[in-house]
Amino acid sequence: MPNITVELLRGRTLEQRRAFAQAVADSAVDILGARRQDVRMVFNEITPDIVANGGVLASEDASRAGVVAALDDRA
């Protein structure tokens, strides 16, 4: 039984999470031979101020400003 934990920035839509879950479950079935009903996924939504990339908080990273702003608009 695959147990998959997914961390993503807050603001993804229900439709995005649903599509991602289906694609990952498809892969687990195809690659791991898991039964679809046994593929368990948990989504943990995180905010840009609690994750850092390369030592820079995502909320303060100019190269991620557009992505963070787009997710904030959905929240």
Protein backbone atom coordinates (compact mmCIF):
# COMPACT_ATOMS: atom_id res chain seq x y z
CA MET A 1 0.00 0.00 0.00
CA PRO A 2 1.78 3.17 -1.13
CA ASN A 3 1.38 6.08 1.27
CA ILE A 4 2.29 9.29 -0.51
CA THR A 5 2.68 12.66 1.15
CA VAL A 6 2.56 15.73 -1.08
CA GLU A 7 3.61 19.17 0.11
CA LEU A 8 2.60 22.13 -2.00
CA LEU A 9 2.19 25.82 -1.67
CA ARG A 10 -1.26 26.81 -0.49
CA GLY A 11 -3.62 27.96 -3.21
CA ARG A 12 -3.89 24.99 -5.57
CA THR A 13 -7.46 24.38 -6.65
CA LEU A 14 -9.51 21.31 -5.89
CA GLU A 15 -9.38 20.45 -9.59
CA GLN A 16 -5.56 20.63 -9.59
CA ARG A 17 -5.28 18.40 -6.51
CA ARG A 18 -7.80 15.95 -7.99
CA ALA A 19 -5.93 15.72 -11.32
CA PHE A 20 -2.58 15.32 -9.55
CA ALA A 21 -3.98 12.58 -7.29
CA GLN A 22 -5.35 10.69 -10.29
CA ALA A 23 -2.06 10.95 -12.19
CA VAL A 24 0.00 9.78 -9.20
CA ALA A 25 -2.42 6.92 -8.50
CA ASP A 26 -2.20 5.89 -12.16
CA SER A 27 1.59 5.82 -11.88
CA ALA A 28 1.52 3.82 -8.64
CA VAL A 29 -0.74 1.25 -10.29
CA ASP A 30 1.37 1.07 -13.47
CA ILE A 31 4.83 1.17 -11.93
CA LEU A 32 4.38 -0.39 -8.49
CA GLY A 33 1.58 -2.80 -9.29
CA ALA A 34 -0.49 -1.31 -6.47
CA ARG A 35 -4.25 -1.64 -6.35
CA ARG A 36 -5.78 1.76 -7.05
CA GLN A 37 -7.88 1.65 -3.88
CA ASP A 38 -4.71 1.11 -1.83
CA VAL A 39 -2.90 4.22 -3.06
CA ARG A 40 -3.19 6.73 -0.19
CA MET A 41 -2.25 10.37 -0.66
CA VAL A 42 -2.16 13.22 1.84
CA PHE A 43 -1.81 16.82 0.72
CA ASN A 44 -0.07 19.19 3.12
CA GLU A 45 -0.50 22.80 2.11
CA ILE A 46 2.32 25.08 3.13
CA THR A 47 2.68 28.84 3.02
CA PRO A 48 5.55 30.62 1.25
CA ASP A 49 6.89 31.95 4.55
CA ILE A 50 7.65 28.49 5.97
CA VAL A 51 9.61 27.03 3.04
CA ALA A 52 12.99 28.09 1.69
CA ASN A 53 14.77 27.23 -1.53
CA GLY A 54 18.51 27.78 -1.61
CA GLY A 55 18.34 29.51 1.75
CA VAL A 56 15.76 32.06 0.63
CA LEU A 57 12.18 32.01 1.88
CA ALA A 58 9.77 31.44 -1.00
CA SER A 59 7.85 34.52 0.17
CA GLU A 60 11.01 36.63 -0.32
CA ASP A 61 12.36 35.01 -3.50
CA ALA A 62 11.97 37.43 -6.41
CA SER A 63 12.23 34.56 -8.92
CA ARG A 64 9.12 32.97 -7.36
CA ALA A 65 7.11 36.16 -6.89
CA GLY A 66 4.80 35.47 -9.85
CA VAL A 67 4.01 31.93 -8.73
CA VAL A 68 3.41 32.97 -5.13
CA ALA A 69 1.21 35.90 -6.21
CA ALA A 70 -0.88 33.66 -8.49
CA LEU A 71 -1.45 31.18 -5.66
CA ASP A 72 -2.35 34.00 -3.24
CA ASP A 73 -4.97 35.24 -5.71
CA ARG A 74 -6.72 31.86 -5.54
CA ALA A 75 -6.71 31.59 -1.75
